[in-house]
């Protein structure tokens, strides 16, 4: 599977962000991290593009995707759908 260009907008105190990054690390998915608290400009860009400051948010090959399932805890099954990875 070819490597995708992945950016993750996150925050250090965001549990879902930490779980998603751990999932990506475990699956060999390379990414650039942009912390919206440490660098307010990243938060401004996220809000300008999505209308939200909710994290985690991903940009995969230029496509903006919410990195969490609203109202639900992190799930590996949901994370796999973001990257179209087969379970296994």
PDB file of N, CA and C in Angstrom:
ATOM      1  N   UNK A   1       0.852  -1.173   0.000  1.00  0.00           N
ATOM      2  CA  UNK A   1       0.000   0.000   0.000  1.00  0.00           C
ATOM      3  C   UNK A   1       0.897   1.235   0.000  1.00  0.00           C
ATOM      4  N   UNK A   2       0.716   2.168  -0.927  1.00  0.00           N
ATOM      5  CA  UNK A   2       1.560   3.356  -0.970  1.00  0.00           C
ATOM      6  C   UNK A   2       1.311   4.258   0.239  1.00  0.00           C
ATOM      7  N   UNK A   3       2.387   4.913   0.677  1.00  0.00           N
ATOM      8  CA  UNK A   3       2.284   5.827   1.824  1.00  0.00           C
ATOM      9  C   UNK A   3       1.442   7.031   1.448  1.00  0.00           C
ATOM     10  N   UNK A   4       0.521   7.391   2.309  1.00  0.00           N
ATOM     11  CA  UNK A   4      -0.311   8.570   2.105  1.00  0.00           C
ATOM     12  C   UNK A   4       0.350   9.749   2.802  1.00  0.00           C
ATOM     13  N   UNK A   5       0.033  10.955   2.352  1.00  0.00           N
ATOM     14  CA  UNK A   5       0.472  12.169   3.007  1.00  0.00           C
ATOM     15  C   UNK A   5      -0.529  12.458   4.119  1.00  0.00           C
ATOM     16  N   UNK A   6      -0.103  12.363   5.378  1.00  0.00           N
ATOM     17  CA  UNK A   6      -1.014  12.471   6.520  1.00  0.00           C
ATOM     18  C   UNK A   6      -0.554  13.567   7.481  1.00  0.00           C
ATOM     19  N   UNK A   7      -1.484  14.441   7.819  1.00  0.00           N
ATOM     20  CA  UNK A   7      -1.280  15.450   8.855  1.00  0.00           C
ATOM     21  C   UNK A   7      -2.348  15.208   9.906  1.00  0.00           C
ATOM     22  N   UNK A   8      -1.953  15.212  11.178  1.00  0.00           N
ATOM     23  CA  UNK A   8      -2.930  15.065  12.252  1.00  0.00           C
ATOM     24  C   UNK A   8      -2.906  16.329  13.103  1.00  0.00           C
ATOM     25  N   UNK A   9      -4.069  16.959  13.196  1.00  0.00           N
ATOM     26  CA  UNK A   9      -4.266  18.103  14.085  1.00  0.00           C
ATOM     27  C   UNK A   9      -4.684  17.525  15.421  1.00  0.00           C
ATOM     28  N   UNK A  10      -3.967  17.901  16.474  1.00  0.00           N
ATOM     29  CA  UNK A  10      -4.214  17.278  17.768  1.00  0.00           C
ATOM     30  C   UNK A  10      -3.924  18.237  18.912  1.00  0.00           C
ATOM     31  N   UNK A  11      -4.081  17.717  20.113  1.00  0.00           N
ATOM     32  CA  UNK A  11      -3.752  18.436  21.333  1.00  0.00           C
ATOM     33  C   UNK A  11      -3.224  17.442  22.351  1.00  0.00           C
ATOM     34  N   UNK A  12      -2.241  17.860  23.140  1.00  0.00           N
ATOM     35  CA  UNK A  12      -1.619  16.953  24.114  1.00  0.00           C
ATOM     36  C   UNK A  12      -2.607  16.383  25.127  1.00  0.00           C
ATOM     37  N   UNK A  13      -3.627  17.145  25.510  1.00  0.00           N
ATOM     38  CA  UNK A  13      -4.575  16.677  26.518  1.00  0.00           C
ATOM     39  C   UNK A  13      -5.760  15.925  25.931  1.00  0.00           C
ATOM     40  N   UNK A  14      -5.717  15.664  24.651  1.00  0.00           N
ATOM     41  CA  UNK A  14      -6.803  14.978  23.944  1.00  0.00           C
ATOM     42  C   UNK A  14      -6.545  13.469  23.934  1.00  0.00           C
ATOM     43  N   UNK A  15      -7.375  12.733  24.683  1.00  0.00           N
ATOM     44  CA  UNK A  15      -7.216  11.278  24.745  1.00  0.00           C
ATOM     45  C   UNK A  15      -7.375  10.605  23.394  1.00  0.00           C
ATOM     46  N   UNK A  16      -8.394  10.997  22.628  1.00  0.00           N
ATOM     47  CA  UNK A  16      -8.591  10.399  21.304  1.00  0.00           C
ATOM     48  C   UNK A  16      -7.396  10.673  20.399  1.00  0.00           C
ATOM     49  N   UNK A  17      -6.790  11.849  20.534  1.00  0.00           N
ATOM     50  CA  UNK A  17      -5.603  12.185  19.728  1.00  0.00           C
ATOM     51  C   UNK A  17      -4.466  11.205  20.034  1.00  0.00           C
ATOM     52  N   UNK A  18      -4.246  10.958  21.333  1.00  0.00           N
ATOM     53  CA  UNK A  18      -3.165  10.058  21.732  1.00  0.00           C
ATOM     54  C   UNK A  18      -3.436   8.630  21.238  1.00  0.00           C
ATOM     55  N   UNK A  19      -4.685   8.189  21.344  1.00  0.00           N
ATOM     56  CA  UNK A  19      -5.033   6.847  20.854  1.00  0.00           C
ATOM     57  C   UNK A  19      -4.839   6.747  19.342  1.00  0.00           C
ATOM     58  N   UNK A  20      -5.271   7.772  18.611  1.00  0.00           N
ATOM     59  CA  UNK A  20      -5.141   7.745  17.156  1.00  0.00           C
ATOM     60  C   UNK A  20      -3.678   7.737  16.741  1.00  0.00           C
ATOM     61  N   UNK A  21      -2.855   8.552  17.383  1.00  0.00           N
ATOM     62  CA  UNK A  21      -1.423   8.569  17.046  1.00  0.00           C
ATOM     63  C   UNK A  21      -0.767   7.232  17.376  1.00  0.00           C
ATOM     64  N   UNK A  22      -1.156   6.615  18.503  1.00  0.00           N
ATOM     65  CA  UNK A  22      -0.634   5.286  18.846  1.00  0.00           C
ATOM     66  C   UNK A  22      -1.043   4.259  17.794  1.00  0.00           C
ATOM     67  N   UNK A  23      -2.303   4.355  17.333  1.00  0.00           N
ATOM     68  CA  UNK A  23      -2.791   3.457  16.283  1.00  0.00           C
ATOM     69  C   UNK A  23      -1.956   3.639  15.008  1.00  0.00           C
ATOM     70  N   UNK A  24      -1.715   4.890  14.623  1.00  0.00           N
ATOM     71  CA  UNK A  24      -0.940   5.143  13.411  1.00  0.00           C
ATOM     72  C   UNK A  24       0.492   4.644  13.570  1.00  0.00           C
ATOM     73  N   UNK A  25       1.094   4.870  14.744  1.00  0.00           N
ATOM     74  CA  UNK A  25       2.449   4.372  14.999  1.00  0.00           C
ATOM     75  C   UNK A  25       2.496   2.852  14.877  1.00  0.00           C
ATOM     76  N   UNK A  26       1.531   2.169  15.491  1.00  0.00           N
ATOM     77  CA  UNK A  26       1.498   0.704  15.477  1.00  0.00           C
ATOM     78  C   UNK A  26       1.297   0.136  14.081  1.00  0.00           C
ATOM     79  N   UNK A  27       0.663   0.929  13.201  1.00  0.00           N
ATOM     80  CA  UNK A  27       0.387   0.467  11.837  1.00  0.00           C
ATOM     81  C   UNK A  27       1.355   1.043  10.812  1.00  0.00           C
ATOM     82  N   UNK A  28       2.412   1.678  11.285  1.00  0.00           N
ATOM     83  CA  UNK A  28       3.443   2.194  10.380  1.00  0.00           C
ATOM     84  C   UNK A  28       2.978   3.341   9.512  1.00  0.00           C
ATOM     85  N   UNK A  29       1.993   4.097   9.986  1.00  0.00           N
ATOM     86  CA  UNK A  29       1.484   5.232   9.220  1.00  0.00           C
ATOM     87  C   UNK A  29       2.262   6.478   9.642  1.00  0.00           C
ATOM     88  N   UNK A  30       3.025   7.031   8.713  1.00  0.00           N
ATOM     89  CA  UNK A  30       3.796   8.235   9.001  1.00  0.00           C
ATOM     90  C   UNK A  30       2.873   9.443   8.929  1.00  0.00           C
ATOM     91  N   UNK A  31       3.133  10.415   9.802  1.00  0.00           N
ATOM     92  CA  UNK A  31       2.274  11.596   9.844  1.00  0.00           C
ATOM     93  C   UNK A  31       3.036  12.788  10.375  1.00  0.00           C
ATOM     94  N   UNK A  32       2.531  13.946  10.040  1.00  0.00           N
ATOM     95  CA  UNK A  32       3.022  15.196  10.611  1.00  0.00           C
ATOM     96  C   UNK A  32       2.005  15.615  11.654  1.00  0.00           C
ATOM     97  N   UNK A  33       2.477  15.927  12.853  1.00  0.00           N
ATOM     98  CA  UNK A  33       1.575  16.347  13.917  1.00  0.00           C
ATOM     99  C   UNK A  33       1.540  17.868  14.009  1.00  0.00           C
ATOM    100  N   UNK A  34       0.334  18.413  14.155  1.00  0.00           N
ATOM    101  CA  UNK A  34       0.151  19.847  14.335  1.00  0.00           C
ATOM    102  C   UNK A  34      -0.702  20.067  15.576  1.00  0.00           C
ATOM    103  N   UNK A  35      -0.063  20.468  16.666  1.00  0.00           N
ATOM    104  CA  UNK A  35      -0.744  20.686  17.940  1.00  0.00           C
ATOM    105  C   UNK A  35      -1.398  22.062  17.924  1.00  0.00           C
ATOM    106  N   UNK A  36      -2.714  22.095  18.092  1.00  0.00           N
ATOM    107  CA  UNK A  36      -3.451  23.361  17.982  1.00  0.00           C
ATOM    108  C   UNK A  36      -3.313  24.236  19.219  1.00  0.00           C
ATOM    109  N   UNK A  37      -2.843  23.684  20.324  1.00  0.00           N
ATOM    110  CA  UNK A  37      -2.645  24.488  21.540  1.00  0.00           C
ATOM    111  C   UNK A  37      -1.248  25.106  21.545  1.00  0.00           C
ATOM    112  N   UNK A  38      -0.255  24.319  21.130  1.00  0.00           N
ATOM    113  CA  UNK A  38       1.116  24.815  21.115  1.00  0.00           C
ATOM    114  C   UNK A  38       1.338  25.845  20.015  1.00  0.00           C
ATOM    115  N   UNK A  39       0.635  25.668  18.893  1.00  0.00           N
ATOM    116  CA  UNK A  39       0.781  26.583  17.761  1.00  0.00           C
ATOM    117  C   UNK A  39      -0.620  27.045  17.362  1.00  0.00           C
ATOM    118  N   UNK A  40      -1.071  28.180  17.915  1.00  0.00           N
ATOM    119  CA  UNK A  40      -2.424  28.663  17.634  1.00  0.00           C
ATOM    120  C   UNK A  40      -2.742  28.799  16.143  1.00  0.00           C
ATOM    121  N   UNK A  41      -1.758  29.051  15.310  1.00  0.00           N
ATOM    122  CA  UNK A  41      -2.003  29.157  13.860  1.00  0.00           C
ATOM    123  C   UNK A  41      -2.553  27.849  13.297  1.00  0.00           C
ATOM    124  N   UNK A  42      -2.141  26.717  13.880  1.00  0.00           N
ATOM    125  CA  UNK A  42      -2.683  25.427  13.428  1.00  0.00           C
ATOM    126  C   UNK A  42      -4.174  25.341  13.758  1.00  0.00           C
ATOM    127  N   UNK A  43      -4.547  25.816  14.935  1.00  0.00           N
ATOM    128  CA  UNK A  43      -5.962  25.845  15.317  1.00  0.00           C
ATOM    129  C   UNK A  43      -6.766  26.760  14.419  1.00  0.00           C
ATOM    130  N   UNK A  44      -6.178  27.896  14.058  1.00  0.00           N
ATOM    131  CA  UNK A  44      -6.859  28.832  13.160  1.00  0.00           C
ATOM    132  C   UNK A  44      -7.095  28.206  11.794  1.00  0.00           C
ATOM    133  N   UNK A  45      -6.087  27.483  11.294  1.00  0.00           N
ATOM    134  CA  UNK A  45      -6.250  26.830   9.984  1.00  0.00           C
ATOM    135  C   UNK A  45      -7.311  25.734  10.060  1.00  0.00           C
ATOM    136  N   UNK A  46      -7.276  24.939  11.138  1.00  0.00           N
ATOM    137  CA  UNK A  46      -8.275  23.883  11.327  1.00  0.00           C
ATOM    138  C   UNK A  46      -9.674  24.472  11.344  1.00  0.00           C
ATOM    139  N   UNK A  47      -9.869  25.528  12.090  1.00  0.00           N
ATOM    140  CA  UNK A  47     -11.190  26.151  12.192  1.00  0.00           C
ATOM    141  C   UNK A  47     -11.614  26.764  10.854  1.00  0.00           C
ATOM    142  N   UNK A  48     -10.670  27.363  10.135  1.00  0.00           N
ATOM    143  CA  UNK A  48     -10.988  27.955   8.829  1.00  0.00           C
ATOM    144  C   UNK A  48     -11.419  26.881   7.826  1.00  0.00           C
ATOM    145  N   UNK A  49     -10.773  25.714   7.880  1.00  0.00           N
ATOM    146  CA  UNK A  49     -11.069  24.640   6.920  1.00  0.00           C
ATOM    147  C   UNK A  49     -12.305  23.827   7.282  1.00  0.00           C
ATOM    148  N   UNK A  50     -12.564  23.663   8.597  1.00  0.00           N
ATOM    149  CA  UNK A  50     -13.623  22.747   9.014  1.00  0.00           C
ATOM    150  C   UNK A  50     -14.761  23.428   9.763  1.00  0.00           C
ATOM    151  N   UNK A  51     -14.515  24.654  10.231  1.00  0.00           N
ATOM    152  CA  UNK A  51     -15.506  25.333  11.043  1.00  0.00           C
ATOM    153  C   UNK A  51     -15.512  24.854  12.484  1.00  0.00           C
ATOM    154  N   UNK A  52     -14.525  24.037  12.842  1.00  0.00           N
ATOM    155  CA  UNK A  52     -14.460  23.444  14.181  1.00  0.00           C
ATOM    156  C   UNK A  52     -13.038  23.488  14.723  1.00  0.00           C
ATOM    157  N   UNK A  53     -12.940  23.331  16.039  1.00  0.00           N
ATOM    158  CA  UNK A  53     -11.644  23.166  16.685  1.00  0.00           C
ATOM    159  C   UNK A  53     -11.524  21.789  17.320  1.00  0.00           C
ATOM    160  N   UNK A  54     -12.452  20.883  16.970  1.00  0.00           N
ATOM    161  CA  UNK A  54     -12.421  19.534  17.516  1.00  0.00           C
ATOM    162  C   UNK A  54     -11.266  18.734  16.960  1.00  0.00           C
ATOM    163  N   UNK A  55     -10.547  18.082  17.854  1.00  0.00           N
ATOM    164  CA  UNK A  55      -9.443  17.230  17.432  1.00  0.00           C
ATOM    165  C   UNK A  55      -9.656  15.831  18.001  1.00  0.00           C
ATOM    166  N   UNK A  56      -9.094  14.809  17.387  1.00  0.00           N
ATOM    167  CA  UNK A  56      -8.173  14.861  16.273  1.00  0.00           C
ATOM    168  C   UNK A  56      -8.881  15.094  14.938  1.00  0.00           C
ATOM    169  N   UNK A  57      -8.190  15.766  14.061  1.00  0.00           N
ATOM    170  CA  UNK A  57      -8.646  15.973  12.694  1.00  0.00           C
ATOM    171  C   UNK A  57      -7.491  15.610  11.791  1.00  0.00           C
ATOM    172  N   UNK A  58      -7.775  14.957  10.693  1.00  0.00           N
ATOM    173  CA  UNK A  58      -6.736  14.497   9.777  1.00  0.00           C
ATOM    174  C   UNK A  58      -6.852  15.171   8.421  1.00  0.00           C
ATOM    175  N   UNK A  59      -5.729  15.321   7.778  1.00  0.00           N
ATOM    176  CA  UNK A  59      -5.684  15.672   6.370  1.00  0.00           C
ATOM    177  C   UNK A  59      -4.926  14.524   5.712  1.00  0.00           C
ATOM    178  N   UNK A  60      -5.634  13.745   4.908  1.00  0.00           N
ATOM    179  CA  UNK A  60      -5.034  12.595   4.237  1.00  0.00           C
ATOM    180  C   UNK A  60      -5.062  12.869   2.744  1.00  0.00           C
ATOM    181  N   UNK A  61      -3.868  13.000   2.180  1.00  0.00           N
ATOM    182  CA  UNK A  61      -3.730  13.332   0.750  1.00  0.00           C
ATOM    183  C   UNK A  61      -4.597  14.529   0.379  1.00  0.00           C
ATOM    184  N   UNK A  62      -4.592  15.558   1.242  1.00  0.00           N
ATOM    185  CA  UNK A  62      -5.317  16.792   0.973  1.00  0.00           C
ATOM    186  C   UNK A  62      -6.785  16.779   1.351  1.00  0.00           C
ATOM    187  N   UNK A  63      -7.288  15.644   1.815  1.00  0.00           N
ATOM    188  CA  UNK A  63      -8.703  15.510   2.182  1.00  0.00           C
ATOM    189  C   UNK A  63      -8.860  15.619   3.701  1.00  0.00           C
ATOM    190  N   UNK A  64      -9.707  16.525   4.158  1.00  0.00           N
ATOM    191  CA  UNK A  64      -9.931  16.747   5.593  1.00  0.00           C
ATOM    192  C   UNK A  64     -10.934  15.732   6.139  1.00  0.00           C
ATOM    193  N   UNK A  65     -10.544  15.014   7.201  1.00  0.00           N
ATOM    194  CA  UNK A  65     -11.392  13.985   7.803  1.00  0.00           C
ATOM    195  C   UNK A  65     -11.383  14.112   9.323  1.00  0.00           C
ATOM    196  N   UNK A  66     -12.553  14.023   9.918  1.00  0.00           N
ATOM    197  CA  UNK A  66     -12.647  14.021  11.376  1.00  0.00           C
ATOM    198  C   UNK A  66     -12.022  12.718  11.882  1.00  0.00           C
ATOM    199  N   UNK A  67     -11.118  12.813  12.842  1.00  0.00           N
ATOM    200  CA  UNK A  67     -10.406  11.637  13.345  1.00  0.00           C
ATOM    201  C   UNK A  67     -11.058  11.000  14.552  1.00  0.00           C
ATOM    202  N   UNK A  68     -12.307  11.326  14.796  1.00  0.00           N
ATOM    203  CA  UNK A  68     -13.043  10.757  15.925  1.00  0.00           C
ATOM    204  C   UNK A  68     -14.482  10.537  15.512  1.00  0.00           C
ATOM    205  N   UNK A  69     -15.134   9.645  16.206  1.00  0.00           N
ATOM    206  CA  UNK A  69     -16.542   9.342  15.963  1.00  0.00           C
ATOM    207  C   UNK A  69     -17.319  10.080  17.059  1.00  0.00           C
ATOM    208  N   UNK A  70     -18.032  11.170  16.728  1.00  0.00           N
ATOM    209  CA  UNK A  70     -18.672  12.010  17.747  1.00  0.00           C
ATOM    210  C   UNK A  70     -19.504  11.221  18.759  1.00  0.00           C
ATOM    211  N   UNK A  71     -19.260  11.532  20.022  1.00  0.00           N
ATOM    212  CA  UNK A  71     -20.031  10.912  21.098  1.00  0.00           C
ATOM    213  C   UNK A  71     -19.605   9.509  21.458  1.00  0.00           C
ATOM    214  N   UNK A  72     -18.560   9.006  20.811  1.00  0.00           N
ATOM    215  CA  UNK A  72     -18.104   7.645  21.083  1.00  0.00           C
ATOM    216  C   UNK A  72     -16.630   7.663  21.450  1.00  0.00           C
ATOM    217  N   UNK A  73     -16.205   6.701  22.279  1.00  0.00           N
ATOM    218  CA  UNK A  73     -14.781   6.621  22.597  1.00  0.00           C
ATOM    219  C   UNK A  73     -13.992   6.141  21.385  1.00  0.00           C
ATOM    220  N   UNK A  74     -12.680   6.353  21.416  1.00  0.00           N
ATOM    221  CA  UNK A  74     -11.826   5.906  20.323  1.00  0.00           C
ATOM    222  C   UNK A  74     -12.044   4.424  20.057  1.00  0.00           C
ATOM    223  N   UNK A  75     -12.088   4.067  18.793  1.00  0.00           N
ATOM    224  CA  UNK A  75     -12.148   2.644  18.445  1.00  0.00           C
ATOM    225  C   UNK A  75     -11.213   2.381  17.277  1.00  0.00           C
ATOM    226  N   UNK A  76     -10.510   1.273  17.379  1.00  0.00           N
ATOM    227  CA  UNK A  76      -9.590   0.895  16.309  1.00  0.00           C
ATOM    228  C   UNK A  76     -10.361   0.640  15.015  1.00  0.00           C
ATOM    229  N   UNK A  77     -11.559   0.095  15.127  1.00  0.00           N
ATOM    230  CA  UNK A  77     -12.369  -0.173  13.933  1.00  0.00           C
ATOM    231  C   UNK A  77     -12.653   1.128  13.180  1.00  0.00           C
ATOM    232  N   UNK A  78     -12.996   2.203  13.909  1.00  0.00           N
ATOM    233  CA  UNK A  78     -13.241   3.487  13.256  1.00  0.00           C
ATOM    234  C   UNK A  78     -11.947   4.018  12.642  1.00  0.00           C
ATOM    235  N   UNK A  79     -10.842   3.917  13.379  1.00  0.00           N
ATOM    236  CA  UNK A  79      -9.557   4.398  12.861  1.00  0.00           C
ATOM    237  C   UNK A  79      -9.190   3.670  11.571  1.00  0.00           C
ATOM    238  N   UNK A  80      -9.460   2.379  11.510  1.00  0.00           N
ATOM    239  CA  UNK A  80      -9.142   1.618  10.291  1.00  0.00           C
ATOM    240  C   UNK A  80      -9.914   2.153   9.089  1.00  0.00           C
ATOM    241  N   UNK A  81     -11.144   2.614   9.311  1.00  0.00           N
ATOM    242  CA  UNK A  81     -11.923   3.136   8.181  1.00  0.00           C
ATOM    243  C   UNK A  81     -11.303   4.414   7.621  1.00  0.00           C
ATOM    244  N   UNK A  82     -10.628   5.175   8.479  1.00  0.00           N
ATOM    245  CA  UNK A  82     -10.001   6.423   8.018  1.00  0.00           C
ATOM    246  C   UNK A  82      -8.892   6.135   7.014  1.00  0.00           C
ATOM    247  N   UNK A  83      -8.219   5.024   7.205  1.00  0.00           N
ATOM    248  CA  UNK A  83      -7.087   4.668   6.353  1.00  0.00           C
ATOM    249  C   UNK A  83      -7.395   3.486   5.435  1.00  0.00           C
ATOM    250  N   UNK A  84      -8.653   3.025   5.460  1.00  0.00           N
ATOM    251  CA  UNK A  84      -9.093   1.874   4.656  1.00  0.00           C
ATOM    252  C   UNK A  84      -8.181   0.670   4.883  1.00  0.00           C
ATOM    253  N   UNK A  85      -7.887   0.403   6.162  1.00  0.00           N
ATOM    254  CA  UNK A  85      -7.053  -0.746   6.515  1.00  0.00           C
ATOM    255  C   UNK A  85      -7.941  -1.931   6.840  1.00  0.00           C
ATOM    256  N   UNK A  86      -7.518  -3.077   6.390  1.00  0.00           N
ATOM    257  CA  UNK A  86      -8.233  -4.307   6.706  1.00  0.00           C
ATOM    258  C   UNK A  86      -7.892  -4.728   8.131  1.00  0.00           C
ATOM    259  N   UNK A  87      -8.870  -5.216   8.846  1.00  0.00           N
ATOM    260  CA  UNK A  87      -8.604  -5.737  10.192  1.00  0.00           C
ATOM    261  C   UNK A  87      -7.754  -6.991  10.060  1.00  0.00           C
ATOM    262  N   UNK A  88      -6.861  -7.180  10.992  1.00  0.00           N
ATOM    263  CA  UNK A  88      -6.131  -8.414  10.900  1.00  0.00           C
ATOM    264  C   UNK A  88      -4.790  -8.317  11.454  1.00  0.00           C
TER     265      UNK A  88
END
